[in-house]
Structure formats: structure tokens, C-alpha cells
């Protein structure tokens, strides 16, 4: 399995079939004398920004905290809850019960919801 090719930037689908973003990061665990293992998949704007630039990631993190968008960025999904299913990555979690959709909910509440007729 090629982990980066098969997981990174793939669409995440929750157990109910709802899209919950894309895989923004992969966390590996390394222990002496033991083979490395995948621990988590990460989802969140800060992780996505960190892949582009560390300054951008700090800026996104400050905005997220200042505007109270998401205090749990990045959200980590344990590898034990991951099912690779072709093009998408399906996870055994409910998107609505996780902070993975925090930015979407914040934009809906603070911006889109204030547009007349929206």
C-alpha cells in the first residue's frame, strides 16, 4: 500500500455516507524495535495550511482560535476506524459528532446565514 497516494487528499466519507472533507495529514508512530505504524488521519484547516507553509498555518490557527471556529483543529481519526474503499476513504465515525465540519458550520452560521434569501 502506498499510504500517501492512497490516503492523502482523498475524500473522507463518514459511516452515514456524508462527505466530511479530505485527508489533510497522516500521523505515524515510531517506537524503537517495532515497525512504524499509522496512528491517525488528520483533518483540518491548520494541517492543510501547514502542508503549504508554516507561517500560513500559524495564521490560520490564530484566526481559528480568535473567531472561535475550531478549538480541536486538527481532528484526528484513529486508523482503526479507517476503511480504504477505492477512490474515497470511509471512516467509522459520524461527521456531525466530530469537529471535522467546524469551518463549514461556522461559515454557514456567520456568513451564509446572514445573506438575504440564503
PDB file of N, CA and C in Angstrom:
ATOM      1  N   UNK A   1       0.845  -1.184   0.000  1.00  0.00           N
ATOM      2  CA  UNK A   1       0.000   0.000   0.000  1.00  0.00           C
ATOM      3  C   UNK A   1       0.885   1.240   0.000  1.00  0.00           C
ATOM      4  N   UNK A   2       0.603   2.155  -0.889  1.00  0.00           N
ATOM      5  CA  UNK A   2       1.304   3.428  -0.901  1.00  0.00           C
ATOM      6  C   UNK A   2       0.445   4.426  -0.142  1.00  0.00           C
ATOM      7  N   UNK A   3       0.817   4.691   1.089  1.00  0.00           N
ATOM      8  CA  UNK A   3      -0.006   5.443   2.025  1.00  0.00           C
ATOM      9  C   UNK A   3      -0.339   6.842   1.533  1.00  0.00           C
ATOM     10  N   UNK A   4       0.642   7.568   1.070  1.00  0.00           N
ATOM     11  CA  UNK A   4       0.391   8.940   0.622  1.00  0.00           C
ATOM     12  C   UNK A   4      -0.529   8.938  -0.589  1.00  0.00           C
ATOM     13  N   UNK A   5      -0.264   8.084  -1.551  1.00  0.00           N
ATOM     14  CA  UNK A   5      -1.097   8.019  -2.748  1.00  0.00           C
ATOM     15  C   UNK A   5      -2.524   7.573  -2.442  1.00  0.00           C
ATOM     16  N   UNK A   6      -2.666   6.598  -1.550  1.00  0.00           N
ATOM     17  CA  UNK A   6      -3.971   6.012  -1.283  1.00  0.00           C
ATOM     18  C   UNK A   6      -4.810   6.771  -0.257  1.00  0.00           C
ATOM     19  N   UNK A   7      -4.196   7.642   0.536  1.00  0.00           N
ATOM     20  CA  UNK A   7      -4.951   8.321   1.604  1.00  0.00           C
ATOM     21  C   UNK A   7      -4.937   9.843   1.509  1.00  0.00           C
ATOM     22  N   UNK A   8      -3.775  10.427   1.372  1.00  0.00           N
ATOM     23  CA  UNK A   8      -3.650  11.885   1.448  1.00  0.00           C
ATOM     24  C   UNK A   8      -4.455  12.575   0.348  1.00  0.00           C
ATOM     25  N   UNK A   9      -5.214  13.581   0.733  1.00  0.00           N
ATOM     26  CA  UNK A   9      -6.074  14.376  -0.153  1.00  0.00           C
ATOM     27  C   UNK A   9      -7.267  13.602  -0.711  1.00  0.00           C
ATOM     28  N   UNK A  10      -7.539  12.429  -0.193  1.00  0.00           N
ATOM     29  CA  UNK A  10      -8.716  11.665  -0.632  1.00  0.00           C
ATOM     30  C   UNK A  10      -9.940  12.148   0.136  1.00  0.00           C
ATOM     31  N   UNK A  11     -11.104  12.025  -0.490  1.00  0.00           N
ATOM     32  CA  UNK A  11     -12.370  12.415   0.132  1.00  0.00           C
ATOM     33  C   UNK A  11     -12.671  11.498   1.306  1.00  0.00           C
ATOM     34  N   UNK A  12     -13.022  12.094   2.458  1.00  0.00           N
ATOM     35  CA  UNK A  12     -13.443  11.328   3.629  1.00  0.00           C
ATOM     36  C   UNK A  12     -14.954  11.194   3.629  1.00  0.00           C
ATOM     37  N   UNK A  13     -15.430  10.005   3.832  1.00  0.00           N
ATOM     38  CA  UNK A  13     -16.865   9.720   3.900  1.00  0.00           C
ATOM     39  C   UNK A  13     -17.141   9.114   5.272  1.00  0.00           C
ATOM     40  N   UNK A  14     -18.135   9.659   5.987  1.00  0.00           N
ATOM     41  CA  UNK A  14     -18.450   9.105   7.301  1.00  0.00           C
ATOM     42  C   UNK A  14     -19.305   7.853   7.164  1.00  0.00           C
ATOM     43  N   UNK A  15     -19.663   7.242   8.293  1.00  0.00           N
ATOM     44  CA  UNK A  15     -20.414   5.983   8.261  1.00  0.00           C
ATOM     45  C   UNK A  15     -21.812   6.126   7.680  1.00  0.00           C
ATOM     46  N   UNK A  16     -22.315   7.373   7.602  1.00  0.00           N
ATOM     47  CA  UNK A  16     -23.641   7.621   7.027  1.00  0.00           C
ATOM     48  C   UNK A  16     -23.579   8.029   5.559  1.00  0.00           C
ATOM     49  N   UNK A  17     -22.379   8.017   4.988  1.00  0.00           N
ATOM     50  CA  UNK A  17     -22.222   8.376   3.590  1.00  0.00           C
ATOM     51  C   UNK A  17     -22.059   9.865   3.349  1.00  0.00           C
ATOM     52  N   UNK A  18     -21.899  10.666   4.402  1.00  0.00           N
ATOM     53  CA  UNK A  18     -21.737  12.114   4.259  1.00  0.00           C
ATOM     54  C   UNK A  18     -20.273  12.475   4.060  1.00  0.00           C
ATOM     55  N   UNK A  19     -20.034  13.395   3.141  1.00  0.00           N
ATOM     56  CA  UNK A  19     -18.678  13.880   2.919  1.00  0.00           C
ATOM     57  C   UNK A  19     -18.268  14.735   4.108  1.00  0.00           C
ATOM     58  N   UNK A  20     -17.033  14.533   4.579  1.00  0.00           N
ATOM     59  CA  UNK A  20     -16.564  15.303   5.726  1.00  0.00           C
ATOM     60  C   UNK A  20     -15.174  15.892   5.495  1.00  0.00           C
ATOM     61  N   UNK A  21     -14.910  16.278   4.270  1.00  0.00           N
ATOM     62  CA  UNK A  21     -13.625  16.898   3.960  1.00  0.00           C
ATOM     63  C   UNK A  21     -12.673  15.925   3.310  1.00  0.00           C
ATOM     64  N   UNK A  22     -11.408  16.299   3.339  1.00  0.00           N
ATOM     65  CA  UNK A  22     -10.365  15.468   2.748  1.00  0.00           C
ATOM     66  C   UNK A  22      -9.311  15.154   3.801  1.00  0.00           C
ATOM     67  N   UNK A  23      -8.565  14.103   3.562  1.00  0.00           N
ATOM     68  CA  UNK A  23      -7.482  13.729   4.467  1.00  0.00           C
ATOM     69  C   UNK A  23      -6.368  14.751   4.282  1.00  0.00           C
ATOM     70  N   UNK A  24      -6.082  15.504   5.343  1.00  0.00           N
ATOM     71  CA  UNK A  24      -5.076  16.560   5.265  1.00  0.00           C
ATOM     72  C   UNK A  24      -3.718  16.130   5.803  1.00  0.00           C
ATOM     73  N   UNK A  25      -3.692  15.106   6.644  1.00  0.00           N
ATOM     74  CA  UNK A  25      -2.432  14.662   7.222  1.00  0.00           C
ATOM     75  C   UNK A  25      -2.490  13.213   7.664  1.00  0.00           C
ATOM     76  N   UNK A  26      -1.307  12.636   7.819  1.00  0.00           N
ATOM     77  CA  UNK A  26      -1.169  11.258   8.280  1.00  0.00           C
ATOM     78  C   UNK A  26      -0.182  11.269   9.431  1.00  0.00           C
ATOM     79  N   UNK A  27      -0.553  10.650  10.555  1.00  0.00           N
ATOM     80  CA  UNK A  27       0.316  10.595  11.731  1.00  0.00           C
ATOM     81  C   UNK A  27       0.835   9.175  11.887  1.00  0.00           C
ATOM     82  N   UNK A  28       2.153   9.061  11.952  1.00  0.00           N
ATOM     83  CA  UNK A  28       2.800   7.766  12.137  1.00  0.00           C
ATOM     84  C   UNK A  28       3.370   7.696  13.550  1.00  0.00           C
ATOM     85  N   UNK A  29       3.426   6.491  14.100  1.00  0.00           N
ATOM     86  CA  UNK A  29       4.065   6.264  15.393  1.00  0.00           C
ATOM     87  C   UNK A  29       5.315   5.427  15.178  1.00  0.00           C
ATOM     88  N   UNK A  30       6.399   5.877  15.803  1.00  0.00           N
ATOM     89  CA  UNK A  30       7.667   5.170  15.699  1.00  0.00           C
ATOM     90  C   UNK A  30       8.118   4.784  17.099  1.00  0.00           C
ATOM     91  N   UNK A  31       8.403   3.499  17.299  1.00  0.00           N
ATOM     92  CA  UNK A  31       8.928   3.006  18.563  1.00  0.00           C
ATOM     93  C   UNK A  31      10.166   2.184  18.270  1.00  0.00           C
ATOM     94  N   UNK A  32      11.108   2.278  19.153  1.00  0.00           N
ATOM     95  CA  UNK A  32      12.363   1.545  18.970  1.00  0.00           C
ATOM     96  C   UNK A  32      12.101   0.038  18.996  1.00  0.00           C
ATOM     97  N   UNK A  33      12.601  -0.653  18.001  1.00  0.00           N
ATOM     98  CA  UNK A  33      12.465  -2.100  17.928  1.00  0.00           C
ATOM     99  C   UNK A  33      11.135  -2.586  17.376  1.00  0.00           C
ATOM    100  N   UNK A  34      10.247  -1.662  17.002  1.00  0.00           N
ATOM    101  CA  UNK A  34       8.937  -2.031  16.474  1.00  0.00           C
ATOM    102  C   UNK A  34       8.757  -1.352  15.123  1.00  0.00           C
ATOM    103  N   UNK A  35       8.079  -2.025  14.216  1.00  0.00           N
ATOM    104  CA  UNK A  35       7.834  -1.431  12.897  1.00  0.00           C
ATOM    105  C   UNK A  35       6.972  -0.176  13.045  1.00  0.00           C
ATOM    106  N   UNK A  36       7.217   0.843  12.239  1.00  0.00           N
ATOM    107  CA  UNK A  36       6.359   2.038  12.276  1.00  0.00           C
ATOM    108  C   UNK A  36       4.925   1.668  11.932  1.00  0.00           C
ATOM    109  N   UNK A  37       3.975   2.409  12.499  1.00  0.00           N
ATOM    110  CA  UNK A  37       2.577   2.134  12.201  1.00  0.00           C
ATOM    111  C   UNK A  37       1.825   3.442  12.021  1.00  0.00           C
ATOM    112  N   UNK A  38       0.767   3.383  11.252  1.00  0.00           N
ATOM    113  CA  UNK A  38      -0.093   4.545  11.058  1.00  0.00           C
ATOM    114  C   UNK A  38      -0.992   4.649  12.279  1.00  0.00           C
ATOM    115  N   UNK A  39      -1.021   5.824  12.901  1.00  0.00           N
ATOM    116  CA  UNK A  39      -1.822   6.012  14.104  1.00  0.00           C
ATOM    117  C   UNK A  39      -3.134   6.733  13.799  1.00  0.00           C
ATOM    118  N   UNK A  40      -3.061   7.828  13.027  1.00  0.00           N
ATOM    119  CA  UNK A  40      -4.234   8.661  12.786  1.00  0.00           C
ATOM    120  C   UNK A  40      -4.219   9.243  11.379  1.00  0.00           C
ATOM    121  N   UNK A  41      -5.412   9.621  10.916  1.00  0.00           N
ATOM    122  CA  UNK A  41      -5.560  10.519   9.778  1.00  0.00           C
ATOM    123  C   UNK A  41      -5.994  11.855  10.372  1.00  0.00           C
ATOM    124  N   UNK A  42      -5.486  12.943   9.835  1.00  0.00           N
ATOM    125  CA  UNK A  42      -5.822  14.264  10.355  1.00  0.00           C
ATOM    126  C   UNK A  42      -6.650  15.048   9.343  1.00  0.00           C
ATOM    127  N   UNK A  43      -7.607  15.812   9.883  1.00  0.00           N
ATOM    128  CA  UNK A  43      -8.475  16.655   9.082  1.00  0.00           C
ATOM    129  C   UNK A  43      -8.478  18.031   9.723  1.00  0.00           C
ATOM    130  N   UNK A  44      -8.307  19.069   8.924  1.00  0.00           N
ATOM    131  CA  UNK A  44      -8.393  20.410   9.475  1.00  0.00           C
ATOM    132  C   UNK A  44      -7.652  21.442   8.650  1.00  0.00           C
ATOM    133  N   UNK A  45      -8.103  22.670   8.789  1.00  0.00           N
ATOM    134  CA  UNK A  45      -7.523  23.775   8.026  1.00  0.00           C
ATOM    135  C   UNK A  45      -6.069  24.044   8.401  1.00  0.00           C
ATOM    136  N   UNK A  46      -5.747  23.880   9.675  1.00  0.00           N
ATOM    137  CA  UNK A  46      -4.372  24.146  10.122  1.00  0.00           C
ATOM    138  C   UNK A  46      -3.409  23.147   9.487  1.00  0.00           C
ATOM    139  N   UNK A  47      -3.773  21.884   9.471  1.00  0.00           N
ATOM    140  CA  UNK A  47      -2.922  20.857   8.859  1.00  0.00           C
ATOM    141  C   UNK A  47      -2.783  21.101   7.361  1.00  0.00           C
ATOM    142  N   UNK A  48      -3.876  21.453   6.728  1.00  0.00           N
ATOM    143  CA  UNK A  48      -3.838  21.745   5.296  1.00  0.00           C
ATOM    144  C   UNK A  48      -2.903  22.921   5.020  1.00  0.00           C
ATOM    145  N   UNK A  49      -3.011  23.971   5.825  1.00  0.00           N
ATOM    146  CA  UNK A  49      -2.147  25.143   5.655  1.00  0.00           C
ATOM    147  C   UNK A  49      -0.691  24.799   5.963  1.00  0.00           C
ATOM    148  N   UNK A  50      -0.458  23.945   6.953  1.00  0.00           N
ATOM    149  CA  UNK A  50       0.911  23.568   7.327  1.00  0.00           C
ATOM    150  C   UNK A  50       1.620  22.864   6.179  1.00  0.00           C
ATOM    151  N   UNK A  51       0.867  22.123   5.372  1.00  0.00           N
ATOM    152  CA  UNK A  51       1.473  21.460   4.220  1.00  0.00           C
ATOM    153  C   UNK A  51       1.972  22.475   3.196  1.00  0.00           C
ATOM    154  N   UNK A  52       1.359  23.657   3.168  1.00  0.00           N
ATOM    155  CA  UNK A  52       1.767  24.690   2.221  1.00  0.00           C
ATOM    156  C   UNK A  52       2.883  25.562   2.769  1.00  0.00           C
ATOM    157  N   UNK A  53       2.696  26.033   4.036  1.00  0.00           N
ATOM    158  CA  UNK A  53       3.663  26.967   4.594  1.00  0.00           C
ATOM    159  C   UNK A  53       3.441  27.057   6.106  1.00  0.00           C
ATOM    160  N   UNK A  54       4.525  27.036   6.885  1.00  0.00           N
ATOM    161  CA  UNK A  54       4.385  27.064   8.345  1.00  0.00           C
ATOM    162  C   UNK A  54       3.829  28.404   8.837  1.00  0.00           C
ATOM    163  N   UNK A  55       4.173  29.497   8.184  1.00  0.00           N
ATOM    164  CA  UNK A  55       3.611  30.806   8.577  1.00  0.00           C
ATOM    165  C   UNK A  55       2.114  30.859   8.314  1.00  0.00           C
ATOM    166  N   UNK A  56       1.712  30.339   7.179  1.00  0.00           N
ATOM    167  CA  UNK A  56       0.288  30.285   6.849  1.00  0.00           C
ATOM    168  C   UNK A  56      -0.464  29.455   7.885  1.00  0.00           C
ATOM    169  N   UNK A  57       0.126  28.360   8.319  1.00  0.00           N
ATOM    170  CA  UNK A  57      -0.510  27.503   9.326  1.00  0.00           C
ATOM    171  C   UNK A  57      -0.699  28.249  10.642  1.00  0.00           C
ATOM    172  N   UNK A  58       0.287  29.014  11.053  1.00  0.00           N
ATOM    173  CA  UNK A  58       0.172  29.798  12.291  1.00  0.00           C
ATOM    174  C   UNK A  58      -0.921  30.848  12.154  1.00  0.00           C
ATOM    175  N   UNK A  59      -1.009  31.464  10.998  1.00  0.00           N
ATOM    176  CA  UNK A  59      -2.035  32.482  10.747  1.00  0.00           C
ATOM    177  C   UNK A  59      -3.428  31.859  10.793  1.00  0.00           C
ATOM    178  N   UNK A  60      -3.609  30.722  10.134  1.00  0.00           N
ATOM    179  CA  UNK A  60      -4.899  30.028  10.131  1.00  0.00           C
ATOM    180  C   UNK A  60      -5.266  29.592  11.549  1.00  0.00           C
ATOM    181  N   UNK A  61      -4.283  29.128  12.312  1.00  0.00           N
ATOM    182  CA  UNK A  61      -4.540  28.705  13.690  1.00  0.00           C
ATOM    183  C   UNK A  61      -4.988  29.890  14.558  1.00  0.00           C
ATOM    184  N   UNK A  62      -4.337  31.040  14.387  1.00  0.00           N
ATOM    185  CA  UNK A  62      -4.740  32.240  15.149  1.00  0.00           C
ATOM    186  C   UNK A  62      -6.153  32.674  14.784  1.00  0.00           C
ATOM    187  N   UNK A  63      -6.467  32.673  13.508  1.00  0.00           N
ATOM    188  CA  UNK A  63      -7.813  33.059  13.069  1.00  0.00           C
ATOM    189  C   UNK A  63      -8.848  32.086  13.627  1.00  0.00           C
ATOM    190  N   UNK A  64      -8.543  30.820  13.562  1.00  0.00           N
ATOM    191  CA  UNK A  64      -9.470  29.797  14.054  1.00  0.00           C
ATOM    192  C   UNK A  64      -9.764  29.990  15.540  1.00  0.00           C
ATOM    193  N   UNK A  65      -8.739  30.286  16.319  1.00  0.00           N
ATOM    194  CA  UNK A  65      -8.935  30.490  17.757  1.00  0.00           C
ATOM    195  C   UNK A  65      -9.614  31.824  18.052  1.00  0.00           C
ATOM    196  N   UNK A  66      -9.216  32.880  17.337  1.00  0.00           N
ATOM    197  CA  UNK A  66      -9.787  34.204  17.587  1.00  0.00           C
ATOM    198  C   UNK A  66     -11.273  34.251  17.241  1.00  0.00           C
ATOM    199  N   UNK A  67     -11.648  33.647  16.124  1.00  0.00           N
ATOM    200  CA  UNK A  67     -13.046  33.654  15.694  1.00  0.00           C
ATOM    201  C   UNK A  67     -13.826  32.479  16.270  1.00  0.00           C
ATOM    202  N   UNK A  68     -13.163  31.675  17.104  1.00  0.00           N
ATOM    203  CA  UNK A  68     -13.791  30.523  17.753  1.00  0.00           C
ATOM    204  C   UNK A  68     -14.417  29.559  16.749  1.00  0.00           C
ATOM    205  N   UNK A  69     -13.670  29.288  15.688  1.00  0.00           N
ATOM    206  CA  UNK A  69     -14.155  28.368  14.655  1.00  0.00           C
ATOM    207  C   UNK A  69     -13.980  26.927  15.128  1.00  0.00           C
ATOM    208  N   UNK A  70     -12.757  26.568  15.492  1.00  0.00           N
ATOM    209  CA  UNK A  70     -12.486  25.180  15.859  1.00  0.00           C
ATOM    210  C   UNK A  70     -11.312  25.114  16.817  1.00  0.00           C
ATOM    211  N   UNK A  71     -11.576  24.685  18.016  1.00  0.00           N
ATOM    212  CA  UNK A  71     -10.502  24.546  19.010  1.00  0.00           C
ATOM    213  C   UNK A  71      -9.817  23.189  18.895  1.00  0.00           C
ATOM    214  N   UNK A  72     -10.412  22.272  18.156  1.00  0.00           N
ATOM    215  CA  UNK A  72      -9.871  20.919  18.018  1.00  0.00           C
ATOM    216  C   UNK A  72      -9.229  20.697  16.664  1.00  0.00           C
ATOM    217  N   UNK A  73      -8.671  21.730  16.083  1.00  0.00           N
ATOM    218  CA  UNK A  73      -8.025  21.597  14.784  1.00  0.00           C
ATOM    219  C   UNK A  73      -6.568  21.242  15.022  1.00  0.00           C
ATOM    220  N   UNK A  74      -6.063  20.151  14.571  1.00  0.00           N
ATOM    221  CA  UNK A  74      -6.669  19.189  13.673  1.00  0.00           C
ATOM    222  C   UNK A  74      -7.491  18.143  14.427  1.00  0.00           C
ATOM    223  N   UNK A  75      -8.459  17.590  13.733  1.00  0.00           N
ATOM    224  CA  UNK A  75      -9.229  16.479  14.258  1.00  0.00           C
ATOM    225  C   UNK A  75      -8.544  15.207  13.797  1.00  0.00           C
ATOM    226  N   UNK A  76      -8.317  14.295  14.726  1.00  0.00           N
ATOM    227  CA  UNK A  76      -7.630  13.041  14.401  1.00  0.00           C
ATOM    228  C   UNK A  76      -8.605  11.867  14.417  1.00  0.00           C
ATOM    229  N   UNK A  77      -8.539  11.080  13.361  1.00  0.00           N
ATOM    230  CA  UNK A  77      -9.357   9.875  13.238  1.00  0.00           C
ATOM    231  C   UNK A  77      -8.435   8.680  13.427  1.00  0.00           C
ATOM    232  N   UNK A  78      -8.688   7.847  14.437  1.00  0.00           N
ATOM    233  CA  UNK A  78      -7.828   6.669  14.641  1.00  0.00           C
ATOM    234  C   UNK A  78      -7.816   5.765  13.412  1.00  0.00           C
ATOM    235  N   UNK A  79      -6.655   5.231  13.107  1.00  0.00           N
ATOM    236  CA  UNK A  79      -6.501   4.361  11.942  1.00  0.00           C
ATOM    237  C   UNK A  79      -7.415   3.143  12.033  1.00  0.00           C
ATOM    238  N   UNK A  80      -7.731   2.722  13.251  1.00  0.00           N
ATOM    239  CA  UNK A  80      -8.608   1.552  13.421  1.00  0.00           C
ATOM    240  C   UNK A  80     -10.020   1.813  12.906  1.00  0.00           C
ATOM    241  N   UNK A  81     -10.394   3.065  12.697  1.00  0.00           N
ATOM    242  CA  UNK A  81     -11.733   3.406  12.201  1.00  0.00           C
ATOM    243  C   UNK A  81     -11.740   3.704  10.696  1.00  0.00           C
ATOM    244  N   UNK A  82     -10.635   3.440  10.032  1.00  0.00           N
ATOM    245  CA  UNK A  82     -10.492   3.757   8.610  1.00  0.00           C
ATOM    246  C   UNK A  82     -10.705   2.521   7.755  1.00  0.00           C
ATOM    247  N   UNK A  83     -11.478   2.711   6.670  1.00  0.00           N
ATOM    248  CA  UNK A  83     -11.691   1.662   5.681  1.00  0.00           C
ATOM    249  C   UNK A  83     -11.373   2.274   4.323  1.00  0.00           C
ATOM    250  N   UNK A  84     -10.324   1.797   3.678  1.00  0.00           N
ATOM    251  CA  UNK A  84      -9.986   2.303   2.351  1.00  0.00           C
ATOM    252  C   UNK A  84     -10.938   1.660   1.355  1.00  0.00           C
ATOM    253  N   UNK A  85     -11.646   2.502   0.616  1.00  0.00           N
ATOM    254  CA  UNK A  85     -12.654   1.964  -0.303  1.00  0.00           C
ATOM    255  C   UNK A  85     -12.507   2.616  -1.673  1.00  0.00           C
ATOM    256  N   UNK A  86     -11.519   2.184  -2.403  1.00  0.00           N
ATOM    257  CA  UNK A  86     -11.323   2.698  -3.755  1.00  0.00           C
ATOM    258  C   UNK A  86     -10.857   4.139  -3.765  1.00  0.00           C
ATOM    259  N   UNK A  87     -11.643   4.989  -4.378  1.00  0.00           N
ATOM    260  CA  UNK A  87     -11.270   6.385  -4.533  1.00  0.00           C
ATOM    261  C   UNK A  87     -11.374   7.146  -3.219  1.00  0.00           C
ATOM    262  N   UNK A  88     -12.383   6.836  -2.413  1.00  0.00           N
ATOM    263  CA  UNK A  88     -12.630   7.548  -1.161  1.00  0.00           C
ATOM    264  C   UNK A  88     -12.082   6.773   0.030  1.00  0.00           C
ATOM    265  N   UNK A  89     -11.992   7.486   1.159  1.00  0.00           N
ATOM    266  CA  UNK A  89     -11.607   6.873   2.424  1.00  0.00           C
ATOM    267  C   UNK A  89     -12.828   6.945   3.333  1.00  0.00           C
ATOM    268  N   UNK A  90     -13.361   5.794   3.697  1.00  0.00           N
ATOM    269  CA  UNK A  90     -14.534   5.738   4.561  1.00  0.00           C
ATOM    270  C   UNK A  90     -14.074   5.534   5.994  1.00  0.00           C
ATOM    271  N   UNK A  91     -14.688   6.280   6.923  1.00  0.00           N
ATOM    272  CA  UNK A  91     -14.324   6.166   8.326  1.00  0.00           C
ATOM    273  C   UNK A  91     -15.558   5.834   9.153  1.00  0.00           C
ATOM    274  N   UNK A  92     -15.363   5.071  10.208  1.00  0.00           N
ATOM    275  CA  UNK A  92     -16.457   4.632  11.067  1.00  0.00           C
ATOM    276  C   UNK A  92     -16.723   5.669  12.161  1.00  0.00           C
ATOM    277  N   UNK A  93     -16.979   6.904  11.759  1.00  0.00           N
ATOM    278  CA  UNK A  93     -17.362   7.979  12.677  1.00  0.00           C
ATOM    279  C   UNK A  93     -18.515   8.740  12.040  1.00  0.00           C
ATOM    280  N   UNK A  94     -19.225   9.519  12.852  1.00  0.00           N
ATOM    281  CA  UNK A  94     -20.317  10.345  12.352  1.00  0.00           C
ATOM    282  C   UNK A  94     -19.797  11.771  12.209  1.00  0.00           C
ATOM    283  N   UNK A  95     -19.838  12.328  11.019  1.00  0.00           N
ATOM    284  CA  UNK A  95     -19.288  13.664  10.750  1.00  0.00           C
ATOM    285  C   UNK A  95     -19.896  14.732  11.638  1.00  0.00           C
ATOM    286  N   UNK A  96     -21.180  14.627  11.925  1.00  0.00           N
ATOM    287  CA  UNK A  96     -21.854  15.642  12.742  1.00  0.00           C
ATOM    288  C   UNK A  96     -21.383  15.623  14.193  1.00  0.00           C
ATOM    289  N   UNK A  97     -20.843  14.515  14.653  1.00  0.00           N
ATOM    290  CA  UNK A  97     -20.371  14.398  16.031  1.00  0.00           C
ATOM    291  C   UNK A  97     -18.895  14.728  16.176  1.00  0.00           C
ATOM    292  N   UNK A  98     -18.253  15.152  15.104  1.00  0.00           N
ATOM    293  CA  UNK A  98     -16.830  15.476  15.133  1.00  0.00           C
ATOM    294  C   UNK A  98     -16.629  16.949  14.785  1.00  0.00           C
ATOM    295  N   UNK A  99     -15.459  17.493  15.095  1.00  0.00           N
ATOM    296  CA  UNK A  99     -15.160  18.870  14.704  1.00  0.00           C
ATOM    297  C   UNK A  99     -14.662  18.996  13.265  1.00  0.00           C
ATOM    298  N   UNK A 100     -14.753  17.941  12.484  1.00  0.00           N
ATOM    299  CA  UNK A 100     -14.257  17.964  11.108  1.00  0.00           C
ATOM    300  C   UNK A 100     -14.998  18.982  10.242  1.00  0.00           C
ATOM    301  N   UNK A 101     -16.236  19.277  10.564  1.00  0.00           N
ATOM    302  CA  UNK A 101     -17.035  20.212   9.771  1.00  0.00           C
ATOM    303  C   UNK A 101     -17.128  21.599  10.414  1.00  0.00           C
ATOM    304  N   UNK A 102     -16.230  21.914  11.336  1.00  0.00           N
ATOM    305  CA  UNK A 102     -16.310  23.170  12.088  1.00  0.00           C
ATOM    306  C   UNK A 102     -16.279  24.399  11.192  1.00  0.00           C
ATOM    307  N   UNK A 103     -15.363  24.437  10.232  1.00  0.00           N
ATOM    308  CA  UNK A 103     -15.284  25.605   9.348  1.00  0.00           C
ATOM    309  C   UNK A 103     -16.549  25.739   8.516  1.00  0.00           C
ATOM    310  N   UNK A 104     -17.060  24.616   8.012  1.00  0.00           N
ATOM    311  CA  UNK A 104     -18.284  24.646   7.213  1.00  0.00           C
ATOM    312  C   UNK A 104     -19.459  25.178   8.039  1.00  0.00           C
ATOM    313  N   UNK A 105     -19.592  24.689   9.253  1.00  0.00           N
ATOM    314  CA  UNK A 105     -20.684  25.145  10.127  1.00  0.00           C
ATOM    315  C   UNK A 105     -20.530  26.619  10.491  1.00  0.00           C
ATOM    316  N   UNK A 106     -19.309  27.043  10.751  1.00  0.00           N
ATOM    317  CA  UNK A 106     -19.049  28.441  11.108  1.00  0.00           C
ATOM    318  C   UNK A 106     -19.413  29.350   9.937  1.00  0.00           C
ATOM    319  N   UNK A 107     -18.987  29.003   8.729  1.00  0.00           N
ATOM    320  CA  UNK A 107     -19.309  29.804   7.544  1.00  0.00           C
ATOM    321  C   UNK A 107     -20.819  29.851   7.310  1.00  0.00           C
ATOM    322  N   UNK A 108     -21.482  28.715   7.505  1.00  0.00           N
ATOM    323  CA  UNK A 108     -22.930  28.665   7.326  1.00  0.00           C
ATOM    324  C   UNK A 108     -23.636  29.578   8.334  1.00  0.00           C
ATOM    325  N   UNK A 109     -23.175  29.554   9.584  1.00  0.00           N
ATOM    326  CA  UNK A 109     -23.808  30.317  10.652  1.00  0.00           C
ATOM    327  C   UNK A 109     -23.483  31.815  10.569  1.00  0.00           C
ATOM    328  N   UNK A 110     -22.231  32.161  10.341  1.00  0.00           N
ATOM    329  CA  UNK A 110     -21.770  33.550  10.427  1.00  0.00           C
ATOM    330  C   UNK A 110     -21.839  34.328   9.112  1.00  0.00           C
ATOM    331  N   UNK A 111     -21.733  33.663   7.984  1.00  0.00           N
ATOM    332  CA  UNK A 111     -21.672  34.363   6.703  1.00  0.00           C
ATOM    333  C   UNK A 111     -22.909  34.057   5.843  1.00  0.00           C
ATOM    334  N   UNK A 112     -23.047  32.802   5.451  1.00  0.00           N
ATOM    335  CA  UNK A 112     -24.122  32.409   4.535  1.00  0.00           C
ATOM    336  C   UNK A 112     -25.487  32.684   5.140  1.00  0.00           C
ATOM    337  N   UNK A 113     -25.651  32.398   6.428  1.00  0.00           N
ATOM    338  CA  UNK A 113     -26.932  32.602   7.086  1.00  0.00           C
ATOM    339  C   UNK A 113     -27.362  34.041   7.162  1.00  0.00           C
ATOM    340  N   UNK A 114     -26.446  34.980   6.990  1.00  0.00           N
ATOM    341  CA  UNK A 114     -26.769  36.415   7.042  1.00  0.00           C
ATOM    342  C   UNK A 114     -27.044  37.021   5.688  1.00  0.00           C
ATOM    343  N   UNK A 115     -26.898  36.239   4.641  1.00  0.00           N
ATOM    344  CA  UNK A 115     -27.183  36.730   3.292  1.00  0.00           C
ATOM    345  C   UNK A 115     -28.695  36.644   3.063  1.00  0.00           C
ATOM    346  N   UNK A 116     -29.326  37.748   2.721  1.00  0.00           N
ATOM    347  CA  UNK A 116     -30.789  37.709   2.490  1.00  0.00           C
ATOM    348  C   UNK A 116     -31.138  36.689   1.403  1.00  0.00           C
ATOM    349  N   UNK A 117     -32.110  35.857   1.686  1.00  0.00           N
ATOM    350  CA  UNK A 117     -32.574  34.860   0.735  1.00  0.00           C
ATOM    351  C   UNK A 117     -31.755  33.585   0.693  1.00  0.00           C
ATOM    352  N   UNK A 118     -30.708  33.513   1.520  1.00  0.00           N
ATOM    353  CA  UNK A 118     -29.860  32.324   1.501  1.00  0.00           C
ATOM    354  C   UNK A 118     -30.458  31.193   2.322  1.00  0.00           C
TER     355      UNK A 118
END
